[in-house]
């Protein structure tokens, strides 16, 4: 259903909330999202297709929202785009009403076992195997291509020189000896994400919206723990499917379409839940106070207790000077 519309684009009018001004934008249907970009083709936001709701059924221009009870709206007048969105939404609803049809009567004995292996075991096993034998140079190359696709969606990474130096100092302070790269992105990404090749992606909000660098440091520690515990290259292969894994094993490369689709999903993907004690250990090892991070993320009570107890063991030590933090907060203003 989606393949027919993946290149479809139109104009639209977007409003971030009830108090915001209406903005003329471009709308494009992606693999799993509706992408909204400004007139300079910088991504403003991504809406998950299954979550989209129409506010005025049967009336045109059509008005959509990214979910229930949200003030954000998108107005579309283009008939072809409206028809495409409606077809996609109908397909999603049908899938919701029929989450799976019983086919067990067709299969029995060895046939069911083979199907189970093919559907549930083989993709994960092949992805894990391919990930384990791919050279670091290939990981780095594919990670760099993914970074380019991410920047196509979010805009180019923020690189004000003085701020970049402060960010590099913070990265070395948190991850001494690790070959990690931290990129601050100017739009679309809500908090953090990670890519193959040792790249951590950070939303500009984490440097602009908080008073202390400790919040950014906490998010970086958490995202790096996700990267260590869940191989981002294996995640990429599982997302791309069996064909991509076979292709990588035989050619040593992945298609641009697979990487672009994965980049789109990463921007809106939910971050994996972390073990609270493992995260607390990261704060202790790096001597970062978790207090500001806890205030920013408002986790479950058990996590608050574990991290707070860890924080009591950590001496107070500034991560950056005041001037460095002020410079870092302005990294996207160049």
C-alpha atoms as a PDB file:
ATOM      1  CA  UNK A   1       0.000   0.000   0.000  1.00  0.00           C
ATOM      2  CA  UNK A   2       2.760   2.494   0.928  1.00  0.00           C
ATOM      3  CA  UNK A   3       5.074   1.793  -2.002  1.00  0.00           C
ATOM      4  CA  UNK A   4       2.748   3.534  -4.455  1.00  0.00           C
ATOM      5  CA  UNK A   5       2.955   6.798  -2.527  1.00  0.00           C
ATOM      6  CA  UNK A   6       6.543   6.929  -1.232  1.00  0.00           C
ATOM      7  CA  UNK A   7       7.548   9.657  -3.707  1.00  0.00           C
ATOM      8  CA  UNK A   8       4.345  11.719  -3.288  1.00  0.00           C
ATOM      9  CA  UNK A   9       4.771  15.276  -2.001  1.00  0.00           C
ATOM     10  CA  UNK A  10       2.451  18.265  -1.673  1.00  0.00           C
ATOM     11  CA  UNK A  11       2.113  21.638  -0.026  1.00  0.00           C
ATOM     12  CA  UNK A  12       0.382  22.000   3.329  1.00  0.00           C
ATOM     13  CA  UNK A  13      -0.212  24.365   6.227  1.00  0.00           C
ATOM     14  CA  UNK A  14       1.190  23.355   9.637  1.00  0.00           C
ATOM     15  CA  UNK A  15       0.543  24.740  13.094  1.00  0.00           C
ATOM     16  CA  UNK A  16       2.609  23.483  16.027  1.00  0.00           C
ATOM     17  CA  UNK A  17      -0.023  24.336  18.665  1.00  0.00           C
ATOM     18  CA  UNK A  18      -3.066  26.541  19.269  1.00  0.00           C
ATOM     19  CA  UNK A  19      -0.930  29.645  19.901  1.00  0.00           C
ATOM     20  CA  UNK A  20       1.501  29.132  17.011  1.00  0.00           C
ATOM     21  CA  UNK A  21       1.288  30.820  13.616  1.00  0.00           C
ATOM     22  CA  UNK A  22       0.227  28.793  10.597  1.00  0.00           C
ATOM     23  CA  UNK A  23       3.227  27.924   8.357  1.00  0.00           C
ATOM     24  CA  UNK A  24       3.357  26.922   4.726  1.00  0.00           C
ATOM     25  CA  UNK A  25       5.274  23.646   4.485  1.00  0.00           C
ATOM     26  CA  UNK A  26       5.874  20.601   2.291  1.00  0.00           C
ATOM     27  CA  UNK A  27       4.419  17.183   3.117  1.00  0.00           C
ATOM     28  CA  UNK A  28       5.877  13.850   1.952  1.00  0.00           C
ATOM     29  CA  UNK A  29       4.818  10.256   2.617  1.00  0.00           C
ATOM     30  CA  UNK A  30       7.709   8.081   3.785  1.00  0.00           C
ATOM     31  CA  UNK A  31       8.008   4.420   4.609  1.00  0.00           C
ATOM     32  CA  UNK A  32       6.577   4.747   8.105  1.00  0.00           C
ATOM     33  CA  UNK A  33       6.075   8.474   8.572  1.00  0.00           C
ATOM     34  CA  UNK A  34       4.588  11.635   7.179  1.00  0.00           C
ATOM     35  CA  UNK A  35       7.495  14.098   6.894  1.00  0.00           C
ATOM     36  CA  UNK A  36       6.848  17.838   7.284  1.00  0.00           C
ATOM     37  CA  UNK A  37       9.594  20.187   6.023  1.00  0.00           C
ATOM     38  CA  UNK A  38       9.809  23.954   5.763  1.00  0.00           C
ATOM     39  CA  UNK A  39      10.174  25.779   2.464  1.00  0.00           C
ATOM     40  CA  UNK A  40      13.960  25.338   2.715  1.00  0.00           C
ATOM     41  CA  UNK A  41      13.419  21.563   2.905  1.00  0.00           C
ATOM     42  CA  UNK A  42      14.577  21.332   6.537  1.00  0.00           C
ATOM     43  CA  UNK A  43      12.531  18.773   8.452  1.00  0.00           C
ATOM     44  CA  UNK A  44      10.179  20.226  11.062  1.00  0.00           C
ATOM     45  CA  UNK A  45       8.675  17.017  12.381  1.00  0.00           C
ATOM     46  CA  UNK A  46       7.784  13.433  11.494  1.00  0.00           C
ATOM     47  CA  UNK A  47       4.360  11.945  12.147  1.00  0.00           C
ATOM     48  CA  UNK A  48       3.941   8.212  12.612  1.00  0.00           C
ATOM     49  CA  UNK A  49       1.426   7.063   9.978  1.00  0.00           C
ATOM     50  CA  UNK A  50      -0.501   4.660  12.252  1.00  0.00           C
ATOM     51  CA  UNK A  51      -1.049   7.437  14.835  1.00  0.00           C
ATOM     52  CA  UNK A  52      -2.437  10.100  12.450  1.00  0.00           C
ATOM     53  CA  UNK A  53      -6.070  11.172  12.989  1.00  0.00           C
ATOM     54  CA  UNK A  54      -8.304  13.227  10.657  1.00  0.00           C
ATOM     55  CA  UNK A  55     -10.214  15.990  12.435  1.00  0.00           C
ATOM     56  CA  UNK A  56     -12.768  16.821   9.703  1.00  0.00           C
ATOM     57  CA  UNK A  57     -13.826  13.640   7.866  1.00  0.00           C
ATOM     58  CA  UNK A  58     -15.492  14.329   4.519  1.00  0.00           C
ATOM     59  CA  UNK A  59     -14.454  17.985   4.398  1.00  0.00           C
ATOM     60  CA  UNK A  60     -11.692  19.574   2.302  1.00  0.00           C
ATOM     61  CA  UNK A  61      -9.119  20.966   2.896  1.00  0.00           C
ATOM     62  CA  UNK A  62      -8.423  17.981   5.165  1.00  0.00           C
ATOM     63  CA  UNK A  63      -7.109  18.647   8.672  1.00  0.00           C
ATOM     64  CA  UNK A  64      -4.955  16.027  10.380  1.00  0.00           C
ATOM     65  CA  UNK A  65      -3.315  15.649  13.790  1.00  0.00           C
ATOM     66  CA  UNK A  66      -0.383  13.399  14.794  1.00  0.00           C
ATOM     67  CA  UNK A  67      -2.570  11.639  17.376  1.00  0.00           C
ATOM     68  CA  UNK A  68      -5.450  12.079  19.805  1.00  0.00           C
ATOM     69  CA  UNK A  69      -5.636  15.113  22.104  1.00  0.00           C
ATOM     70  CA  UNK A  70      -2.832  17.099  20.469  1.00  0.00           C
ATOM     71  CA  UNK A  71      -2.970  20.765  19.418  1.00  0.00           C
ATOM     72  CA  UNK A  72      -0.614  20.213  16.459  1.00  0.00           C
ATOM     73  CA  UNK A  73      -2.423  20.219  13.089  1.00  0.00           C
ATOM     74  CA  UNK A  74      -1.713  19.855   9.374  1.00  0.00           C
ATOM     75  CA  UNK A  75      -4.021  21.184   6.661  1.00  0.00           C
ATOM     76  CA  UNK A  76      -3.794  19.611   3.180  1.00  0.00           C
ATOM     77  CA  UNK A  77      -5.698  20.891   0.143  1.00  0.00           C
ATOM     78  CA  UNK A  78      -4.090  18.703  -2.531  1.00  0.00           C
ATOM     79  CA  UNK A  79      -6.661  16.072  -3.542  1.00  0.00           C
ATOM     80  CA  UNK A  80      -4.091  13.469  -4.558  1.00  0.00           C
ATOM     81  CA  UNK A  81      -2.228  13.743  -1.244  1.00  0.00           C
ATOM     82  CA  UNK A  82      -5.484  13.601   0.745  1.00  0.00           C
ATOM     83  CA  UNK A  83      -6.562  10.474  -1.140  1.00  0.00           C
ATOM     84  CA  UNK A  84      -3.156   8.876  -0.544  1.00  0.00           C
ATOM     85  CA  UNK A  85      -3.202   9.610   3.196  1.00  0.00           C
ATOM     86  CA  UNK A  86      -6.758   8.315   3.510  1.00  0.00           C
ATOM     87  CA  UNK A  87      -5.888   5.068   1.725  1.00  0.00           C
ATOM     88  CA  UNK A  88      -2.914   4.550   3.989  1.00  0.00           C
ATOM     89  CA  UNK A  89      -5.002   5.241   7.104  1.00  0.00           C
ATOM     90  CA  UNK A  90      -7.716   2.837   5.929  1.00  0.00           C
ATOM     91  CA  UNK A  91      -5.082   0.156   5.376  1.00  0.00           C
ATOM     92  CA  UNK A  92      -3.687   0.720   8.878  1.00  0.00           C
ATOM     93  CA  UNK A  93      -7.167   0.475  10.416  1.00  0.00           C
ATOM     94  CA  UNK A  94      -7.912  -2.742   8.557  1.00  0.00           C
ATOM     95  CA  UNK A  95      -4.699  -4.207   9.897  1.00  0.00           C
ATOM     96  CA  UNK A  96      -5.725  -3.116  13.381  1.00  0.00           C
ATOM     97  CA  UNK A  97      -9.109  -4.852  13.068  1.00  0.00           C
ATOM     98  CA  UNK A  98      -7.565  -8.004  11.664  1.00  0.00           C
ATOM     99  CA  UNK A  99      -4.241  -8.381  13.494  1.00  0.00           C
ATOM    100  CA  UNK A 100      -3.760 -11.873  12.164  1.00  0.00           C
ATOM    101  CA  UNK A 101      -5.807 -14.577  10.419  1.00  0.00           C
ATOM    102  CA  UNK A 102      -5.686 -18.104  11.700  1.00  0.00           C
ATOM    103  CA  UNK A 103      -3.633 -20.153   9.328  1.00  0.00           C
ATOM    104  CA  UNK A 104      -2.639 -22.812  11.839  1.00  0.00           C
ATOM    105  CA  UNK A 105      -5.032 -25.329  10.235  1.00  0.00           C
ATOM    106  CA  UNK A 106      -3.033 -25.133   6.995  1.00  0.00           C
ATOM    107  CA  UNK A 107       0.198 -26.056   8.693  1.00  0.00           C
ATOM    108  CA  UNK A 108       1.003 -29.009  10.934  1.00  0.00           C
ATOM    109  CA  UNK A 109       3.943 -30.959  12.251  1.00  0.00           C
ATOM    110  CA  UNK A 110       7.224 -30.295  10.494  1.00  0.00           C
ATOM    111  CA  UNK A 111       5.703 -27.642   8.267  1.00  0.00           C
ATOM    112  CA  UNK A 112       4.812 -25.459  11.265  1.00  0.00           C
ATOM    113  CA  UNK A 113       8.280 -25.975  12.749  1.00  0.00           C
ATOM    114  CA  UNK A 114       9.994 -24.933   9.505  1.00  0.00           C
ATOM    115  CA  UNK A 115       7.771 -21.875   9.192  1.00  0.00           C
ATOM    116  CA  UNK A 116       8.545 -20.898  12.765  1.00  0.00           C
ATOM    117  CA  UNK A 117      12.257 -21.185  12.130  1.00  0.00           C
ATOM    118  CA  UNK A 118      12.027 -19.171   8.934  1.00  0.00           C
ATOM    119  CA  UNK A 119       9.883 -16.381  10.351  1.00  0.00           C
ATOM    120  CA  UNK A 120      11.166 -16.016  13.890  1.00  0.00           C
ATOM    121  CA  UNK A 121      14.603 -17.529  14.175  1.00  0.00           C
ATOM    122  CA  UNK A 122      16.307 -17.095  10.800  1.00  0.00           C
ATOM    123  CA  UNK A 123      16.031 -13.268  10.443  1.00  0.00           C
ATOM    124  CA  UNK A 124      17.447 -12.622  13.903  1.00  0.00           C
ATOM    125  CA  UNK A 125      20.124 -15.284  13.575  1.00  0.00           C
ATOM    126  CA  UNK A 126      21.218 -14.066  10.151  1.00  0.00           C
ATOM    127  CA  UNK A 127      21.305 -10.442  11.312  1.00  0.00           C
ATOM    128  CA  UNK A 128      23.395 -11.388  14.336  1.00  0.00           C
ATOM    129  CA  UNK A 129      25.775 -13.460  12.216  1.00  0.00           C
ATOM    130  CA  UNK A 130      26.171 -10.786   9.539  1.00  0.00           C
ATOM    131  CA  UNK A 131      26.763  -8.148  12.217  1.00  0.00           C
ATOM    132  CA  UNK A 132      29.447 -10.269  13.883  1.00  0.00           C
ATOM    133  CA  UNK A 133      31.595 -10.715  10.758  1.00  0.00           C
ATOM    134  CA  UNK A 134      31.274  -7.304   9.072  1.00  0.00           C
ATOM    135  CA  UNK A 135      34.577  -5.353   9.276  1.00  0.00           C
ATOM    136  CA  UNK A 136      34.737  -2.143  11.272  1.00  0.00           C
ATOM    137  CA  UNK A 137      35.499  -0.215   8.080  1.00  0.00           C
ATOM    138  CA  UNK A 138      32.169  -1.351   6.609  1.00  0.00           C
ATOM    139  CA  UNK A 139      30.341  -0.409   9.797  1.00  0.00           C
ATOM    140  CA  UNK A 140      31.932   3.035   9.714  1.00  0.00           C
ATOM    141  CA  UNK A 141      31.085   3.512   6.033  1.00  0.00           C
ATOM    142  CA  UNK A 142      27.454   2.515   6.471  1.00  0.00           C
ATOM    143  CA  UNK A 143      27.250   4.628   9.629  1.00  0.00           C
ATOM    144  CA  UNK A 144      28.502   7.644   7.655  1.00  0.00           C
ATOM    145  CA  UNK A 145      25.883   7.046   4.947  1.00  0.00           C
ATOM    146  CA  UNK A 146      23.179   6.784   7.602  1.00  0.00           C
ATOM    147  CA  UNK A 147      24.400  10.052   9.100  1.00  0.00           C
ATOM    148  CA  UNK A 148      23.945  11.748   5.713  1.00  0.00           C
ATOM    149  CA  UNK A 149      20.410  10.359   5.442  1.00  0.00           C
ATOM    150  CA  UNK A 150      19.626  11.550   8.977  1.00  0.00           C
ATOM    151  CA  UNK A 151      20.925  15.043   8.144  1.00  0.00           C
ATOM    152  CA  UNK A 152      18.714  15.077   5.046  1.00  0.00           C
ATOM    153  CA  UNK A 153      15.765  14.759   7.435  1.00  0.00           C
ATOM    154  CA  UNK A 154      16.967  16.999  10.272  1.00  0.00           C
ATOM    155  CA  UNK A 155      19.244  19.503   8.593  1.00  0.00           C
ATOM    156  CA  UNK A 156      23.042  19.516   8.803  1.00  0.00           C
ATOM    157  CA  UNK A 157      24.645  18.940  12.195  1.00  0.00           C
ATOM    158  CA  UNK A 158      25.448  22.070  14.228  1.00  0.00           C
ATOM    159  CA  UNK A 159      29.179  22.832  14.102  1.00  0.00           C
ATOM    160  CA  UNK A 160      29.950  26.269  15.556  1.00  0.00           C
ATOM    161  CA  UNK A 161      33.741  25.905  16.171  1.00  0.00           C
ATOM    162  CA  UNK A 162      33.948  27.098  19.791  1.00  0.00           C
ATOM    163  CA  UNK A 163      30.917  25.038  20.745  1.00  0.00           C
ATOM    164  CA  UNK A 164      32.299  22.017  18.892  1.00  0.00           C
ATOM    165  CA  UNK A 165      35.475  22.214  20.964  1.00  0.00           C
ATOM    166  CA  UNK A 166      33.406  22.244  24.177  1.00  0.00           C
ATOM    167  CA  UNK A 167      31.359  19.259  22.946  1.00  0.00           C
ATOM    168  CA  UNK A 168      34.537  17.322  22.123  1.00  0.00           C
ATOM    169  CA  UNK A 169      35.874  18.048  25.611  1.00  0.00           C
ATOM    170  CA  UNK A 170      32.650  16.776  27.177  1.00  0.00           C
ATOM    171  CA  UNK A 171      32.743  13.650  24.987  1.00  0.00           C
ATOM    172  CA  UNK A 172      36.315  12.888  26.056  1.00  0.00           C
ATOM    173  CA  UNK A 173      35.369  13.523  29.695  1.00  0.00           C
ATOM    174  CA  UNK A 174      32.478  11.029  29.545  1.00  0.00           C
ATOM    175  CA  UNK A 175      34.010   8.420  27.243  1.00  0.00           C
ATOM    176  CA  UNK A 176      37.801   8.602  27.588  1.00  0.00           C
ATOM    177  CA  UNK A 177      39.600   6.467  25.035  1.00  0.00           C
ATOM    178  CA  UNK A 178      36.426   5.581  23.089  1.00  0.00           C
ATOM    179  CA  UNK A 179      36.176   6.548  19.424  1.00  0.00           C
ATOM    180  CA  UNK A 180      32.752   8.138  19.773  1.00  0.00           C
ATOM    181  CA  UNK A 181      31.355  11.042  17.777  1.00  0.00           C
ATOM    182  CA  UNK A 182      28.549  13.190  19.161  1.00  0.00           C
ATOM    183  CA  UNK A 183      26.457  15.196  16.677  1.00  0.00           C
ATOM    184  CA  UNK A 184      23.969  17.914  17.639  1.00  0.00           C
ATOM    185  CA  UNK A 185      21.041  18.011  15.188  1.00  0.00           C
ATOM    186  CA  UNK A 186      18.965  21.167  14.592  1.00  0.00           C
ATOM    187  CA  UNK A 187      15.485  19.610  14.223  1.00  0.00           C
ATOM    188  CA  UNK A 188      13.188  16.553  14.214  1.00  0.00           C
ATOM    189  CA  UNK A 189      15.008  14.340  16.762  1.00  0.00           C
ATOM    190  CA  UNK A 190      13.371  14.559  20.198  1.00  0.00           C
ATOM    191  CA  UNK A 191      16.247  13.424  22.442  1.00  0.00           C
ATOM    192  CA  UNK A 192      19.006  10.978  21.426  1.00  0.00           C
ATOM    193  CA  UNK A 193      19.734   8.091  19.070  1.00  0.00           C
ATOM    194  CA  UNK A 194      22.800   6.111  17.975  1.00  0.00           C
ATOM    195  CA  UNK A 195      24.227   4.780  14.699  1.00  0.00           C
ATOM    196  CA  UNK A 196      26.697   2.099  13.620  1.00  0.00           C
ATOM    197  CA  UNK A 197      30.289   3.276  13.736  1.00  0.00           C
ATOM    198  CA  UNK A 198      30.108   4.895  17.182  1.00  0.00           C
ATOM    199  CA  UNK A 199      27.946   7.960  16.495  1.00  0.00           C
ATOM    200  CA  UNK A 200      25.586   9.428  19.100  1.00  0.00           C
ATOM    201  CA  UNK A 201      22.886  11.779  17.812  1.00  0.00           C
ATOM    202  CA  UNK A 202      21.573  14.527  20.094  1.00  0.00           C
ATOM    203  CA  UNK A 203      18.622  16.895  19.741  1.00  0.00           C
ATOM    204  CA  UNK A 204      19.437  20.604  19.923  1.00  0.00           C
ATOM    205  CA  UNK A 205      16.846  20.794  22.727  1.00  0.00           C
ATOM    206  CA  UNK A 206      19.216  19.070  25.136  1.00  0.00           C
ATOM    207  CA  UNK A 207      21.722  21.916  24.890  1.00  0.00           C
ATOM    208  CA  UNK A 208      19.294  24.808  24.457  1.00  0.00           C
ATOM    209  CA  UNK A 209      16.471  24.034  26.909  1.00  0.00           C
ATOM    210  CA  UNK A 210      18.330  23.194  30.123  1.00  0.00           C
ATOM    211  CA  UNK A 211      20.357  25.227  32.591  1.00  0.00           C
ATOM    212  CA  UNK A 212      23.061  22.648  33.231  1.00  0.00           C
ATOM    213  CA  UNK A 213      25.278  20.420  31.108  1.00  0.00           C
ATOM    214  CA  UNK A 214      24.481  17.530  33.482  1.00  0.00           C
ATOM    215  CA  UNK A 215      21.217  16.862  31.594  1.00  0.00           C
ATOM    216  CA  UNK A 216      23.045  16.452  28.293  1.00  0.00           C
ATOM    217  CA  UNK A 217      25.666  14.279  29.995  1.00  0.00           C
ATOM    218  CA  UNK A 218      22.987  12.002  31.430  1.00  0.00           C
ATOM    219  CA  UNK A 219      21.319  11.521  28.061  1.00  0.00           C
ATOM    220  CA  UNK A 220      24.692  10.750  26.464  1.00  0.00           C
ATOM    221  CA  UNK A 221      25.516   8.146  29.110  1.00  0.00           C
ATOM    222  CA  UNK A 222      22.106   6.520  28.659  1.00  0.00           C
ATOM    223  CA  UNK A 223      22.302   6.464  24.854  1.00  0.00           C
ATOM    224  CA  UNK A 224      25.810   5.048  24.845  1.00  0.00           C
ATOM    225  CA  UNK A 225      24.632   2.281  27.180  1.00  0.00           C
ATOM    226  CA  UNK A 226      21.890   1.461  24.644  1.00  0.00           C
ATOM    227  CA  UNK A 227      24.532   1.380  21.903  1.00  0.00           C
ATOM    228  CA  UNK A 228      26.693  -1.024  23.897  1.00  0.00           C
ATOM    229  CA  UNK A 229      23.839  -3.316  24.936  1.00  0.00           C
ATOM    230  CA  UNK A 230      22.045  -3.380  21.553  1.00  0.00           C
ATOM    231  CA  UNK A 231      24.322  -3.478  18.511  1.00  0.00           C
ATOM    232  CA  UNK A 232      23.073  -0.714  16.175  1.00  0.00           C
ATOM    233  CA  UNK A 233      24.311  -2.618  13.125  1.00  0.00           C
ATOM    234  CA  UNK A 234      22.309  -5.693  14.105  1.00  0.00           C
ATOM    235  CA  UNK A 235      19.284  -3.430  14.637  1.00  0.00           C
ATOM    236  CA  UNK A 236      19.778  -2.019  11.126  1.00  0.00           C
ATOM    237  CA  UNK A 237      19.886  -5.490   9.566  1.00  0.00           C
ATOM    238  CA  UNK A 238      16.790  -6.668  11.433  1.00  0.00           C
ATOM    239  CA  UNK A 239      14.962  -3.562  10.292  1.00  0.00           C
ATOM    240  CA  UNK A 240      16.056  -3.939   6.659  1.00  0.00           C
ATOM    241  CA  UNK A 241      15.120  -7.624   6.500  1.00  0.00           C
ATOM    242  CA  UNK A 242      16.518 -10.912   5.224  1.00  0.00           C
ATOM    243  CA  UNK A 243      17.256  -9.639   1.724  1.00  0.00           C
ATOM    244  CA  UNK A 244      19.442  -6.828   3.040  1.00  0.00           C
ATOM    245  CA  UNK A 245      21.343  -9.209   5.332  1.00  0.00           C
ATOM    246  CA  UNK A 246      21.961 -11.662   2.480  1.00  0.00           C
ATOM    247  CA  UNK A 247      23.017  -8.801   0.221  1.00  0.00           C
ATOM    248  CA  UNK A 248      25.470  -7.502   2.800  1.00  0.00           C
ATOM    249  CA  UNK A 249      27.022 -10.947   3.209  1.00  0.00           C
ATOM    250  CA  UNK A 250      27.408 -11.425  -0.542  1.00  0.00           C
ATOM    251  CA  UNK A 251      28.321  -7.909  -1.702  1.00  0.00           C
ATOM    252  CA  UNK A 252      29.597  -6.217   1.454  1.00  0.00           C
ATOM    253  CA  UNK A 253      27.187  -3.311   0.970  1.00  0.00           C
ATOM    254  CA  UNK A 254      23.593  -2.196   1.604  1.00  0.00           C
ATOM    255  CA  UNK A 255      21.189  -0.364  -0.676  1.00  0.00           C
ATOM    256  CA  UNK A 256      20.526   3.333  -0.320  1.00  0.00           C
ATOM    257  CA  UNK A 257      16.777   2.671  -0.055  1.00  0.00           C
ATOM    258  CA  UNK A 258      17.260   0.395   2.971  1.00  0.00           C
ATOM    259  CA  UNK A 259      19.438   2.983   4.697  1.00  0.00           C
ATOM    260  CA  UNK A 260      17.040   5.850   3.975  1.00  0.00           C
ATOM    261  CA  UNK A 261      14.096   3.855   5.313  1.00  0.00           C
ATOM    262  CA  UNK A 262      16.051   2.977   8.465  1.00  0.00           C
ATOM    263  CA  UNK A 263      17.015   6.630   8.964  1.00  0.00           C
ATOM    264  CA  UNK A 264      13.353   7.661   8.792  1.00  0.00           C
ATOM    265  CA  UNK A 265      12.412   5.078  11.413  1.00  0.00           C
ATOM    266  CA  UNK A 266      15.260   6.035  13.738  1.00  0.00           C
ATOM    267  CA  UNK A 267      14.095   9.647  13.923  1.00  0.00           C
ATOM    268  CA  UNK A 268      10.740   8.620  15.433  1.00  0.00           C
ATOM    269  CA  UNK A 269      11.762   5.351  17.151  1.00  0.00           C
ATOM    270  CA  UNK A 270      11.165   4.829  20.859  1.00  0.00           C
ATOM    271  CA  UNK A 271      14.360   4.481  22.842  1.00  0.00           C
ATOM    272  CA  UNK A 272      15.029   1.131  24.488  1.00  0.00           C
ATOM    273  CA  UNK A 273      14.404   0.894  28.238  1.00  0.00           C
ATOM    274  CA  UNK A 274      17.580   0.575  30.276  1.00  0.00           C
ATOM    275  CA  UNK A 275      18.313  -1.410  33.412  1.00  0.00           C
ATOM    276  CA  UNK A 276      18.360   1.161  36.209  1.00  0.00           C
ATOM    277  CA  UNK A 277      21.344  -0.353  38.001  1.00  0.00           C
ATOM    278  CA  UNK A 278      23.395  -0.523  34.807  1.00  0.00           C
ATOM    279  CA  UNK A 279      22.629   3.148  34.157  1.00  0.00           C
ATOM    280  CA  UNK A 280      23.446   4.089  37.748  1.00  0.00           C
ATOM    281  CA  UNK A 281      26.802   2.385  37.336  1.00  0.00           C
ATOM    282  CA  UNK A 282      27.553   4.605  34.322  1.00  0.00           C
ATOM    283  CA  UNK A 283      26.927   7.728  36.404  1.00  0.00           C
ATOM    284  CA  UNK A 284      29.169   6.396  39.163  1.00  0.00           C
ATOM    285  CA  UNK A 285      32.006   5.392  36.811  1.00  0.00           C
ATOM    286  CA  UNK A 286      32.018   8.777  35.064  1.00  0.00           C
ATOM    287  CA  UNK A 287      31.371  10.765  38.279  1.00  0.00           C
ATOM    288  CA  UNK A 288      28.354  12.551  36.809  1.00  0.00           C
ATOM    289  CA  UNK A 289      25.573  13.612  39.188  1.00  0.00           C
ATOM    290  CA  UNK A 290      22.240  12.176  37.926  1.00  0.00           C
ATOM    291  CA  UNK A 291      20.004  14.736  39.688  1.00  0.00           C
ATOM    292  CA  UNK A 292      19.436  17.057  36.723  1.00  0.00           C
ATOM    293  CA  UNK A 293      18.930  14.104  34.357  1.00  0.00           C
ATOM    294  CA  UNK A 294      16.286  12.640  36.673  1.00  0.00           C
ATOM    295  CA  UNK A 295      14.414  15.940  36.701  1.00  0.00           C
ATOM    296  CA  UNK A 296      14.473  16.079  32.893  1.00  0.00           C
ATOM    297  CA  UNK A 297      13.259  12.522  32.203  1.00  0.00           C
ATOM    298  CA  UNK A 298      10.942  11.870  35.207  1.00  0.00           C
ATOM    299  CA  UNK A 299      11.495   8.080  35.274  1.00  0.00           C
ATOM    300  CA  UNK A 300       9.729   5.438  37.360  1.00  0.00           C
ATOM    301  CA  UNK A 301      10.033   5.681  41.150  1.00  0.00           C
ATOM    302  CA  UNK A 302      12.339   2.665  41.350  1.00  0.00           C
ATOM    303  CA  UNK A 303      14.741   4.232  38.845  1.00  0.00           C
ATOM    304  CA  UNK A 304      14.671   7.534  40.737  1.00  0.00           C
ATOM    305  CA  UNK A 305      15.602   5.755  43.968  1.00  0.00           C
ATOM    306  CA  UNK A 306      18.435   3.751  42.393  1.00  0.00           C
ATOM    307  CA  UNK A 307      19.957   6.754  40.597  1.00  0.00           C
ATOM    308  CA  UNK A 308      19.489   9.050  43.586  1.00  0.00           C
ATOM    309  CA  UNK A 309      21.346   6.567  45.794  1.00  0.00           C
ATOM    310  CA  UNK A 310      24.095   6.425  43.187  1.00  0.00           C
ATOM    311  CA  UNK A 311      24.257  10.215  43.082  1.00  0.00           C
ATOM    312  CA  UNK A 312      24.919  10.346  46.817  1.00  0.00           C
ATOM    313  CA  UNK A 313      28.188   8.481  46.186  1.00  0.00           C
ATOM    314  CA  UNK A 314      29.418  10.848  43.466  1.00  0.00           C
ATOM    315  CA  UNK A 315      31.562  13.885  44.268  1.00  0.00           C
ATOM    316  CA  UNK A 316      30.571  17.183  42.733  1.00  0.00           C
ATOM    317  CA  UNK A 317      32.833  17.912  39.760  1.00  0.00           C
ATOM    318  CA  UNK A 318      32.004  20.383  36.943  1.00  0.00           C
ATOM    319  CA  UNK A 319      31.901  18.752  33.512  1.00  0.00           C
ATOM    320  CA  UNK A 320      32.570  22.014  31.643  1.00  0.00           C
ATOM    321  CA  UNK A 321      33.417  25.558  32.620  1.00  0.00           C
ATOM    322  CA  UNK A 322      30.586  28.103  32.539  1.00  0.00           C
ATOM    323  CA  UNK A 323      31.998  29.671  29.372  1.00  0.00           C
ATOM    324  CA  UNK A 324      32.252  26.284  27.650  1.00  0.00           C
ATOM    325  CA  UNK A 325      28.640  25.420  28.515  1.00  0.00           C
ATOM    326  CA  UNK A 326      27.406  28.805  27.305  1.00  0.00           C
ATOM    327  CA  UNK A 327      29.293  28.288  24.037  1.00  0.00           C
ATOM    328  CA  UNK A 328      27.855  24.787  23.659  1.00  0.00           C
ATOM    329  CA  UNK A 329      24.329  26.110  24.162  1.00  0.00           C
ATOM    330  CA  UNK A 330      24.867  28.296  21.095  1.00  0.00           C
ATOM    331  CA  UNK A 331      26.149  25.511  18.824  1.00  0.00           C
ATOM    332  CA  UNK A 332      23.175  25.753  16.459  1.00  0.00           C
ATOM    333  CA  UNK A 333      23.147  29.548  16.252  1.00  0.00           C
ATOM    334  CA  UNK A 334      26.044  29.930  13.793  1.00  0.00           C
END
